[in-house]
């Protein structure tokens, strides 16, 4: 099911999919996921991710509003993470990814609301989000200096795959979700 959220995406009735800019094509692929839930797994082999590799990852239900797309992420029973995406709109040509974390008691995690925005067009399938200045400051304040170089990525291959990545020097994390079998 395809949703159209008028204020959120650069999509017009007169444009074909081929005429859309990469950000708008990506946003269209993202909107196709609204209301659905998908299971996935960690596919990277970094030893730091051993705990996550033993868990089922669940993203969703994906909630789309007029201003953002919220993608709750569960790692096994841990539901403390949400990816929030603010897609391109008529007044901005970038997409923003924010990570929201809570502690076990539900209160905000001190390291939360970090992320970045696209710095180039990307593609209809893949968008990358280098850490923004707010995130870099937050990481430094919390002794997470290695995270200053974070670049996150989202990939959506329609009807096949949703992937989330974290990359920086010496670190690669990738999780993949099967779009063929929504929960």
N, C-alpha and C. Protein backbone atom coordinates (compact mmCIF):
# COMPACT_ATOMS: atom_id res chain seq x y z
N UNK A 1 0.84 -1.16 0.00
CA UNK A 1 0.00 0.00 0.00
C UNK A 1 0.89 1.23 0.00
N UNK A 2 0.61 2.19 -0.87
CA UNK A 2 1.41 3.40 -0.96
C UNK A 2 0.64 4.55 -0.34
N UNK A 3 1.27 5.25 0.59
CA UNK A 3 0.67 6.40 1.24
C UNK A 3 1.21 7.66 0.57
N UNK A 4 0.43 8.69 0.55
CA UNK A 4 0.89 9.99 0.09
C UNK A 4 0.71 10.97 1.23
N UNK A 5 1.77 11.54 1.69
CA UNK A 5 1.74 12.49 2.78
C UNK A 5 2.13 13.83 2.19
N UNK A 6 1.16 14.72 1.95
CA UNK A 6 1.39 15.91 1.15
C UNK A 6 2.52 16.82 1.62
N UNK A 7 2.66 17.08 2.89
CA UNK A 7 3.67 18.03 3.36
C UNK A 7 5.05 17.41 3.50
N UNK A 8 5.15 16.11 3.39
CA UNK A 8 6.37 15.42 3.74
C UNK A 8 7.29 15.16 2.55
N UNK A 9 6.75 14.81 1.43
CA UNK A 9 7.59 14.34 0.35
C UNK A 9 7.47 15.18 -0.91
N UNK A 10 8.55 15.25 -1.67
CA UNK A 10 8.54 15.97 -2.93
C UNK A 10 7.99 15.03 -3.99
N UNK A 11 6.71 14.83 -3.99
CA UNK A 11 6.05 13.99 -4.98
C UNK A 11 4.89 14.78 -5.54
N UNK A 12 4.78 14.82 -6.83
CA UNK A 12 3.63 15.49 -7.42
C UNK A 12 2.93 14.54 -8.36
N UNK A 13 1.67 14.78 -8.55
CA UNK A 13 0.86 13.89 -9.38
C UNK A 13 1.35 13.86 -10.83
N UNK A 14 2.00 14.93 -11.27
CA UNK A 14 2.41 14.98 -12.68
C UNK A 14 3.79 14.39 -12.93
N UNK A 15 4.50 13.98 -11.90
CA UNK A 15 5.83 13.42 -12.09
C UNK A 15 5.78 11.90 -12.05
N UNK A 16 6.47 11.29 -13.01
CA UNK A 16 6.61 9.84 -12.97
C UNK A 16 7.75 9.50 -12.02
N UNK A 17 7.84 8.25 -11.60
CA UNK A 17 8.90 7.81 -10.69
C UNK A 17 10.27 8.12 -11.28
N UNK A 18 10.43 7.98 -12.60
CA UNK A 18 11.71 8.21 -13.25
C UNK A 18 12.12 9.68 -13.22
N UNK A 19 11.16 10.61 -13.13
CA UNK A 19 11.46 12.03 -13.12
C UNK A 19 11.84 12.57 -11.74
N UNK A 20 11.59 11.80 -10.69
CA UNK A 20 11.84 12.27 -9.34
C UNK A 20 13.33 12.30 -9.04
N UNK A 21 13.73 13.28 -8.22
CA UNK A 21 15.11 13.34 -7.74
C UNK A 21 15.37 12.16 -6.81
N UNK A 22 16.65 11.78 -6.62
CA UNK A 22 16.95 10.63 -5.76
C UNK A 22 16.33 10.71 -4.36
N UNK A 23 16.36 11.90 -3.72
CA UNK A 23 15.76 12.01 -2.39
C UNK A 23 14.27 11.68 -2.44
N UNK A 24 13.58 12.19 -3.45
CA UNK A 24 12.15 11.94 -3.57
C UNK A 24 11.87 10.48 -3.90
N UNK A 25 12.69 9.86 -4.73
CA UNK A 25 12.53 8.44 -5.03
C UNK A 25 12.73 7.61 -3.77
N UNK A 26 13.76 7.97 -2.98
CA UNK A 26 14.01 7.27 -1.73
C UNK A 26 12.82 7.44 -0.79
N UNK A 27 12.31 8.67 -0.68
CA UNK A 27 11.15 8.93 0.17
C UNK A 27 9.95 8.12 -0.27
N UNK A 28 9.76 7.97 -1.56
CA UNK A 28 8.67 7.16 -2.08
C UNK A 28 8.84 5.70 -1.66
N UNK A 29 10.07 5.20 -1.74
CA UNK A 29 10.34 3.83 -1.29
C UNK A 29 10.08 3.68 0.21
N UNK A 30 10.43 4.71 0.98
CA UNK A 30 10.20 4.70 2.43
C UNK A 30 8.71 4.68 2.75
N UNK A 31 7.94 5.50 2.06
CA UNK A 31 6.49 5.57 2.30
C UNK A 31 5.82 4.22 2.03
N UNK A 32 6.34 3.46 1.11
CA UNK A 32 5.77 2.14 0.82
C UNK A 32 5.83 1.21 2.04
N UNK A 33 6.69 1.52 3.01
CA UNK A 33 6.85 0.66 4.20
C UNK A 33 5.91 1.04 5.34
N UNK A 34 5.22 2.17 5.22
CA UNK A 34 4.38 2.68 6.31
C UNK A 34 3.34 1.65 6.75
N UNK A 35 3.20 1.54 8.07
CA UNK A 35 2.22 0.64 8.65
C UNK A 35 2.66 -0.80 8.76
N UNK A 36 3.84 -1.11 8.27
CA UNK A 36 4.30 -2.50 8.26
C UNK A 36 5.41 -2.74 9.29
N UNK A 37 5.65 -4.01 9.59
CA UNK A 37 6.70 -4.45 10.50
C UNK A 37 7.49 -5.54 9.80
N UNK A 38 8.81 -5.51 9.97
CA UNK A 38 9.68 -6.48 9.31
C UNK A 38 10.70 -7.05 10.29
N UNK A 39 11.05 -8.30 10.09
CA UNK A 39 12.11 -8.92 10.89
C UNK A 39 13.40 -8.93 10.10
N UNK A 40 14.51 -8.92 10.86
CA UNK A 40 15.81 -8.92 10.22
C UNK A 40 16.88 -9.48 11.13
N UNK A 41 18.10 -9.28 10.68
CA UNK A 41 19.25 -9.80 11.43
C UNK A 41 20.49 -8.98 11.11
N UNK A 42 21.45 -9.07 12.01
CA UNK A 42 22.75 -8.46 11.78
C UNK A 42 23.51 -9.35 10.79
N UNK A 43 24.03 -8.74 9.73
CA UNK A 43 24.75 -9.53 8.72
C UNK A 43 26.24 -9.19 8.68
N UNK A 44 26.66 -8.14 9.40
CA UNK A 44 28.08 -7.81 9.48
C UNK A 44 28.73 -8.73 10.51
N UNK A 45 30.06 -8.80 10.46
CA UNK A 45 30.75 -9.75 11.34
C UNK A 45 31.66 -9.09 12.37
N UNK A 46 31.43 -7.82 12.68
CA UNK A 46 32.23 -7.14 13.69
C UNK A 46 32.01 -7.84 15.04
N UNK A 47 33.09 -8.23 15.74
CA UNK A 47 32.93 -8.90 17.04
C UNK A 47 32.11 -8.09 18.05
N UNK A 48 32.11 -6.77 17.90
CA UNK A 48 31.37 -5.90 18.80
C UNK A 48 29.85 -6.15 18.73
N UNK A 49 29.39 -6.80 17.67
CA UNK A 49 27.96 -7.01 17.47
C UNK A 49 27.50 -8.44 17.79
N UNK A 50 28.32 -9.20 18.48
CA UNK A 50 27.98 -10.60 18.77
C UNK A 50 26.65 -10.73 19.49
N UNK A 51 26.36 -9.87 20.46
CA UNK A 51 25.09 -9.95 21.19
C UNK A 51 23.90 -9.74 20.27
N UNK A 52 24.01 -8.78 19.38
CA UNK A 52 22.90 -8.49 18.46
C UNK A 52 22.70 -9.61 17.44
N UNK A 53 23.80 -10.27 17.03
CA UNK A 53 23.67 -11.35 16.04
C UNK A 53 22.84 -12.51 16.59
N UNK A 54 22.79 -12.66 17.89
CA UNK A 54 22.01 -13.73 18.49
C UNK A 54 20.54 -13.37 18.69
N UNK A 55 20.13 -12.18 18.29
CA UNK A 55 18.76 -11.71 18.51
C UNK A 55 18.03 -11.48 17.17
N UNK A 56 16.73 -11.62 17.21
CA UNK A 56 15.92 -11.22 16.07
C UNK A 56 15.72 -9.71 16.16
N UNK A 57 15.92 -9.04 15.05
CA UNK A 57 15.68 -7.61 14.98
C UNK A 57 14.30 -7.40 14.37
N UNK A 58 13.56 -6.45 14.91
CA UNK A 58 12.25 -6.12 14.37
C UNK A 58 12.17 -4.62 14.20
N UNK A 59 11.79 -4.18 13.02
CA UNK A 59 11.57 -2.76 12.78
C UNK A 59 10.09 -2.57 12.46
N UNK A 60 9.45 -1.67 13.24
CA UNK A 60 8.05 -1.39 12.99
C UNK A 60 7.21 -1.58 14.23
N UNK A 61 5.90 -1.34 14.11
CA UNK A 61 5.28 -0.87 12.88
C UNK A 61 5.78 0.54 12.53
N UNK A 62 6.05 0.71 11.26
CA UNK A 62 6.58 1.98 10.76
C UNK A 62 5.43 2.98 10.71
N UNK A 63 5.64 4.11 11.39
CA UNK A 63 4.59 5.11 11.56
C UNK A 63 4.94 6.36 10.75
N UNK A 64 4.05 6.72 9.84
CA UNK A 64 4.28 7.89 8.99
C UNK A 64 3.31 9.00 9.35
N UNK A 65 3.85 10.19 9.56
CA UNK A 65 3.02 11.36 9.81
C UNK A 65 3.34 12.39 8.73
N UNK A 66 2.79 13.57 8.88
CA UNK A 66 3.05 14.63 7.89
C UNK A 66 4.46 15.19 7.99
N UNK A 67 5.17 14.92 9.07
CA UNK A 67 6.50 15.52 9.23
C UNK A 67 7.64 14.53 9.37
N UNK A 68 7.33 13.26 9.68
CA UNK A 68 8.42 12.30 9.88
C UNK A 68 7.93 10.87 9.76
N UNK A 69 8.90 10.00 9.64
CA UNK A 69 8.65 8.56 9.63
C UNK A 69 9.38 7.99 10.84
N UNK A 70 8.63 7.30 11.72
CA UNK A 70 9.24 6.68 12.90
C UNK A 70 9.33 5.18 12.67
N UNK A 71 10.53 4.66 12.91
CA UNK A 71 10.80 3.24 12.71
C UNK A 71 11.32 2.65 14.03
N UNK A 72 10.42 2.16 14.90
CA UNK A 72 10.87 1.53 16.15
C UNK A 72 11.72 0.30 15.85
N UNK A 73 12.82 0.15 16.58
CA UNK A 73 13.71 -0.99 16.41
C UNK A 73 13.75 -1.79 17.70
N UNK A 74 13.43 -3.06 17.60
CA UNK A 74 13.55 -3.97 18.73
C UNK A 74 14.70 -4.93 18.46
N UNK A 75 15.53 -5.11 19.47
CA UNK A 75 16.62 -6.09 19.43
C UNK A 75 16.22 -7.14 20.44
N UNK A 76 15.63 -8.25 19.96
CA UNK A 76 15.04 -9.21 20.88
C UNK A 76 13.88 -8.53 21.59
N UNK A 77 13.92 -8.52 22.92
CA UNK A 77 12.86 -7.88 23.72
C UNK A 77 13.15 -6.40 24.02
N UNK A 78 14.34 -5.92 23.69
CA UNK A 78 14.74 -4.54 23.96
C UNK A 78 14.14 -3.61 22.90
N UNK A 79 13.18 -2.80 23.32
CA UNK A 79 12.48 -1.88 22.41
C UNK A 79 12.85 -0.42 22.71
N UNK A 80 14.10 -0.17 23.01
CA UNK A 80 14.53 1.16 23.46
C UNK A 80 15.02 2.08 22.34
N UNK A 81 14.84 1.69 21.09
CA UNK A 81 15.40 2.48 19.99
C UNK A 81 14.34 2.83 18.96
N UNK A 82 14.46 4.03 18.41
CA UNK A 82 13.59 4.46 17.32
C UNK A 82 14.44 5.25 16.33
N UNK A 83 14.34 4.90 15.06
CA UNK A 83 14.94 5.70 14.00
C UNK A 83 13.85 6.65 13.52
N UNK A 84 14.18 7.93 13.42
CA UNK A 84 13.23 8.91 12.91
C UNK A 84 13.83 9.53 11.66
N UNK A 85 13.05 9.53 10.60
CA UNK A 85 13.51 10.06 9.33
C UNK A 85 12.62 11.23 8.94
N UNK A 86 13.24 12.36 8.66
CA UNK A 86 12.53 13.53 8.14
C UNK A 86 12.94 13.67 6.68
N UNK A 87 12.09 13.18 5.77
CA UNK A 87 12.44 13.22 4.35
C UNK A 87 12.42 14.63 3.78
N UNK A 88 13.00 14.72 2.59
CA UNK A 88 13.03 15.97 1.86
C UNK A 88 11.61 16.49 1.67
N UNK A 89 11.48 17.81 1.61
CA UNK A 89 10.19 18.42 1.36
C UNK A 89 10.40 19.61 0.44
N UNK A 90 9.34 20.33 0.18
CA UNK A 90 9.43 21.45 -0.75
C UNK A 90 10.43 22.51 -0.30
N UNK A 91 10.70 22.62 1.01
CA UNK A 91 11.61 23.67 1.48
C UNK A 91 12.98 23.15 1.92
N UNK A 92 13.25 21.88 1.76
CA UNK A 92 14.59 21.37 2.07
C UNK A 92 14.91 20.20 1.13
N UNK A 93 16.16 20.15 0.75
CA UNK A 93 16.58 19.14 -0.22
C UNK A 93 17.42 18.05 0.42
N UNK A 94 17.26 17.84 1.71
CA UNK A 94 18.02 16.82 2.41
C UNK A 94 17.08 15.96 3.23
N UNK A 95 17.59 14.82 3.65
CA UNK A 95 16.86 13.90 4.51
C UNK A 95 17.63 13.81 5.81
N UNK A 96 16.93 13.78 6.93
CA UNK A 96 17.59 13.71 8.23
C UNK A 96 17.23 12.39 8.91
N UNK A 97 18.24 11.76 9.51
CA UNK A 97 18.06 10.54 10.31
C UNK A 97 18.44 10.87 11.75
N UNK A 98 17.54 10.54 12.68
CA UNK A 98 17.79 10.75 14.11
C UNK A 98 17.57 9.43 14.85
N UNK A 99 18.45 9.15 15.80
CA UNK A 99 18.34 7.97 16.66
C UNK A 99 17.81 8.42 18.01
N UNK A 100 16.71 7.84 18.45
CA UNK A 100 16.14 8.17 19.75
C UNK A 100 16.26 6.92 20.63
N UNK A 101 16.86 7.10 21.80
CA UNK A 101 17.07 5.98 22.73
C UNK A 101 16.43 6.30 24.09
N UNK A 102 15.93 5.27 24.74
CA UNK A 102 15.44 5.40 26.11
C UNK A 102 16.16 4.38 26.99
N UNK A 103 16.18 4.66 28.28
CA UNK A 103 16.75 3.73 29.26
C UNK A 103 15.70 2.68 29.60
N UNK A 104 16.09 1.67 30.37
CA UNK A 104 15.17 0.58 30.73
C UNK A 104 13.90 1.07 31.42
N UNK A 105 14.00 2.16 32.18
CA UNK A 105 12.83 2.68 32.88
C UNK A 105 11.96 3.57 31.99
N UNK A 106 12.35 3.73 30.72
CA UNK A 106 11.57 4.53 29.78
C UNK A 106 11.99 5.99 29.70
N UNK A 107 12.88 6.41 30.58
CA UNK A 107 13.35 7.80 30.55
C UNK A 107 14.35 7.98 29.40
N UNK A 108 14.54 9.22 28.95
CA UNK A 108 15.47 9.46 27.84
C UNK A 108 16.90 9.05 28.18
N UNK A 109 17.55 8.42 27.26
CA UNK A 109 18.97 8.08 27.38
C UNK A 109 19.76 9.39 27.21
N UNK A 110 20.82 9.60 28.00
CA UNK A 110 21.62 10.82 27.82
C UNK A 110 22.23 10.93 26.42
N UNK A 111 22.46 9.78 25.77
CA UNK A 111 22.97 9.80 24.40
C UNK A 111 21.81 9.41 23.50
N UNK A 112 21.09 10.44 23.09
CA UNK A 112 19.89 10.26 22.27
C UNK A 112 19.74 11.46 21.35
N UNK A 113 18.93 11.31 20.33
CA UNK A 113 18.63 12.35 19.34
C UNK A 113 19.85 12.69 18.48
N UNK A 114 20.74 11.74 18.33
CA UNK A 114 21.91 11.96 17.47
C UNK A 114 21.60 11.45 16.06
N UNK A 115 22.37 11.92 15.13
CA UNK A 115 22.19 11.49 13.74
C UNK A 115 22.85 12.46 12.79
N UNK A 116 22.26 12.58 11.62
CA UNK A 116 22.82 13.46 10.61
C UNK A 116 21.86 13.62 9.46
N UNK A 117 22.29 14.41 8.50
CA UNK A 117 21.46 14.61 7.31
C UNK A 117 22.30 14.37 6.07
N UNK A 118 21.61 14.08 5.00
CA UNK A 118 22.30 13.81 3.75
C UNK A 118 23.07 15.05 3.31
N UNK A 119 24.22 14.83 2.68
CA UNK A 119 25.03 15.94 2.17
C UNK A 119 25.15 15.91 0.65
N UNK A 120 24.53 14.90 0.04
CA UNK A 120 24.48 14.83 -1.41
C UNK A 120 23.16 14.16 -1.82
N UNK A 121 22.97 13.96 -3.11
CA UNK A 121 21.71 13.41 -3.60
C UNK A 121 21.50 11.94 -3.25
N UNK A 122 22.59 11.19 -3.01
CA UNK A 122 22.44 9.75 -2.79
C UNK A 122 21.77 9.12 -4.00
N UNK A 123 21.07 8.01 -3.76
CA UNK A 123 20.34 7.34 -4.83
C UNK A 123 18.93 7.03 -4.36
N UNK A 124 18.12 6.55 -5.26
CA UNK A 124 16.76 6.14 -4.90
C UNK A 124 16.80 4.99 -3.91
N UNK A 125 17.88 4.22 -3.90
CA UNK A 125 18.01 3.02 -3.06
C UNK A 125 18.77 3.30 -1.77
N UNK A 126 19.76 4.18 -1.80
CA UNK A 126 20.65 4.36 -0.64
C UNK A 126 20.87 5.85 -0.32
N UNK A 127 20.76 6.17 0.97
CA UNK A 127 21.06 7.51 1.46
C UNK A 127 22.01 7.38 2.65
N UNK A 128 23.01 8.27 2.71
CA UNK A 128 23.99 8.27 3.79
C UNK A 128 23.87 9.54 4.62
N UNK A 129 24.11 9.39 5.94
CA UNK A 129 23.89 10.45 6.92
C UNK A 129 25.12 10.61 7.81
N UNK A 130 26.08 11.48 7.45
CA UNK A 130 27.23 11.71 8.33
C UNK A 130 26.78 12.41 9.61
N UNK A 131 27.46 12.13 10.70
CA UNK A 131 27.14 12.74 11.99
C UNK A 131 27.15 14.26 11.87
N UNK A 132 26.10 14.89 12.40
CA UNK A 132 26.01 16.35 12.39
C UNK A 132 26.74 16.93 13.60
N UNK A 133 26.83 18.25 13.66
CA UNK A 133 27.58 18.90 14.74
C UNK A 133 26.97 18.63 16.11
N UNK A 134 25.64 18.62 16.22
CA UNK A 134 25.00 18.29 17.50
C UNK A 134 25.45 16.91 17.97
N UNK A 135 25.44 15.94 17.07
CA UNK A 135 25.82 14.57 17.42
C UNK A 135 27.29 14.49 17.83
N UNK A 136 28.15 15.16 17.09
CA UNK A 136 29.57 15.15 17.42
C UNK A 136 29.80 15.71 18.83
N UNK A 137 29.13 16.81 19.15
CA UNK A 137 29.26 17.39 20.49
C UNK A 137 28.73 16.44 21.55
N UNK A 138 27.57 15.84 21.29
CA UNK A 138 26.98 14.88 22.24
C UNK A 138 27.92 13.71 22.48
N UNK A 139 28.51 13.18 21.42
CA UNK A 139 29.43 12.05 21.55
C UNK A 139 30.66 12.46 22.38
N UNK A 140 31.23 13.62 22.08
CA UNK A 140 32.41 14.07 22.84
C UNK A 140 32.08 14.27 24.32
N UNK A 141 30.93 14.89 24.61
CA UNK A 141 30.52 15.13 25.99
C UNK A 141 30.33 13.84 26.78
N UNK A 142 30.03 12.75 26.08
CA UNK A 142 29.77 11.47 26.74
C UNK A 142 30.89 10.46 26.55
N UNK A 143 32.08 10.94 26.17
CA UNK A 143 33.26 10.08 26.05
C UNK A 143 33.19 9.09 24.90
N UNK A 144 32.43 9.42 23.87
CA UNK A 144 32.28 8.53 22.71
C UNK A 144 32.98 9.14 21.49
N UNK A 145 34.24 9.51 21.66
CA UNK A 145 34.98 10.21 20.61
C UNK A 145 35.04 9.43 19.30
N UNK A 146 35.10 8.11 19.37
CA UNK A 146 35.17 7.31 18.13
C UNK A 146 33.91 7.50 17.29
N UNK A 147 32.79 7.83 17.90
CA UNK A 147 31.53 7.97 17.18
C UNK A 147 31.43 9.27 16.38
N UNK A 148 32.34 10.21 16.60
CA UNK A 148 32.31 11.49 15.88
C UNK A 148 32.37 11.26 14.38
N UNK A 149 33.03 10.22 13.94
CA UNK A 149 33.16 9.92 12.51
C UNK A 149 32.04 9.06 11.95
N UNK A 150 30.98 8.83 12.70
CA UNK A 150 29.89 7.97 12.24
C UNK A 150 29.25 8.46 10.95
N UNK A 151 29.00 7.51 10.08
CA UNK A 151 28.17 7.73 8.89
C UNK A 151 27.17 6.58 8.88
N UNK A 152 25.88 6.94 9.00
CA UNK A 152 24.81 5.95 8.95
C UNK A 152 24.26 5.90 7.54
N UNK A 153 23.67 4.79 7.18
CA UNK A 153 23.06 4.67 5.86
C UNK A 153 21.78 3.85 5.97
N UNK A 154 20.84 4.19 5.12
CA UNK A 154 19.63 3.39 4.94
C UNK A 154 19.55 3.01 3.49
N UNK A 155 19.19 1.76 3.25
CA UNK A 155 18.97 1.26 1.89
C UNK A 155 17.58 0.65 1.83
N UNK A 156 16.89 0.93 0.76
CA UNK A 156 15.60 0.30 0.53
C UNK A 156 15.56 -0.19 -0.90
N UNK A 157 15.58 -1.51 -1.06
CA UNK A 157 15.36 -2.13 -2.36
C UNK A 157 13.90 -2.56 -2.34
N UNK A 158 13.03 -1.85 -3.09
CA UNK A 158 11.59 -2.13 -2.99
C UNK A 158 11.24 -3.61 -3.09
N UNK A 159 10.34 -4.03 -2.20
CA UNK A 159 9.83 -5.40 -2.15
C UNK A 159 10.90 -6.45 -1.87
N UNK A 160 12.08 -6.02 -1.45
CA UNK A 160 13.16 -6.98 -1.17
C UNK A 160 13.82 -6.75 0.19
N UNK A 161 14.42 -5.55 0.37
CA UNK A 161 15.36 -5.37 1.48
C UNK A 161 15.32 -3.95 2.04
N UNK A 162 15.36 -3.87 3.36
CA UNK A 162 15.65 -2.63 4.08
C UNK A 162 16.94 -2.90 4.83
N UNK A 163 17.92 -2.03 4.68
CA UNK A 163 19.18 -2.21 5.39
C UNK A 163 19.53 -0.93 6.14
N UNK A 164 20.15 -1.11 7.29
CA UNK A 164 20.65 -0.02 8.12
C UNK A 164 22.13 -0.28 8.34
N UNK A 165 22.95 0.75 8.18
CA UNK A 165 24.39 0.61 8.39
C UNK A 165 24.92 1.71 9.29
N UNK A 166 25.98 1.36 9.98
CA UNK A 166 26.82 2.32 10.71
C UNK A 166 28.24 2.04 10.26
N UNK A 167 28.92 3.09 9.79
CA UNK A 167 30.30 2.97 9.36
C UNK A 167 31.13 4.10 9.96
N UNK A 168 32.35 3.77 10.34
CA UNK A 168 33.37 4.73 10.74
C UNK A 168 34.69 3.98 10.68
N UNK A 169 35.78 4.68 10.88
CA UNK A 169 37.09 4.02 10.83
C UNK A 169 37.12 2.87 11.83
N UNK A 170 37.42 1.66 11.35
CA UNK A 170 37.53 0.48 12.20
C UNK A 170 36.21 -0.13 12.63
N UNK A 171 35.10 0.33 12.07
CA UNK A 171 33.78 -0.16 12.52
C UNK A 171 32.81 -0.25 11.35
N UNK A 172 32.18 -1.41 11.21
CA UNK A 172 31.13 -1.60 10.20
C UNK A 172 30.03 -2.46 10.82
N UNK A 173 28.82 -1.92 10.83
CA UNK A 173 27.63 -2.63 11.30
C UNK A 173 26.60 -2.59 10.18
N UNK A 174 25.96 -3.74 9.93
CA UNK A 174 24.89 -3.78 8.94
C UNK A 174 23.81 -4.76 9.39
N UNK A 175 22.57 -4.26 9.37
CA UNK A 175 21.41 -5.10 9.65
C UNK A 175 20.52 -5.07 8.42
N UNK A 176 19.94 -6.21 8.09
CA UNK A 176 19.07 -6.32 6.93
C UNK A 176 17.71 -6.87 7.35
N UNK A 177 16.65 -6.31 6.75
CA UNK A 177 15.28 -6.69 7.02
C UNK A 177 14.63 -7.14 5.73
N UNK A 178 13.93 -8.27 5.78
CA UNK A 178 13.29 -8.85 4.61
C UNK A 178 11.95 -8.17 4.36
N UNK A 179 11.82 -7.47 3.24
CA UNK A 179 10.58 -6.78 2.92
C UNK A 179 9.55 -7.68 2.24
N UNK A 180 9.94 -8.91 1.93
CA UNK A 180 9.00 -9.86 1.30
C UNK A 180 8.04 -10.50 2.28
N UNK A 181 8.33 -10.37 3.57
CA UNK A 181 7.53 -11.07 4.58
C UNK A 181 7.19 -10.17 5.75
N UNK A 182 6.31 -9.15 5.54
CA UNK A 182 5.97 -8.29 6.67
C UNK A 182 5.24 -9.05 7.76
N UNK A 183 5.45 -8.64 9.00
CA UNK A 183 4.80 -9.28 10.15
C UNK A 183 3.41 -8.74 10.35
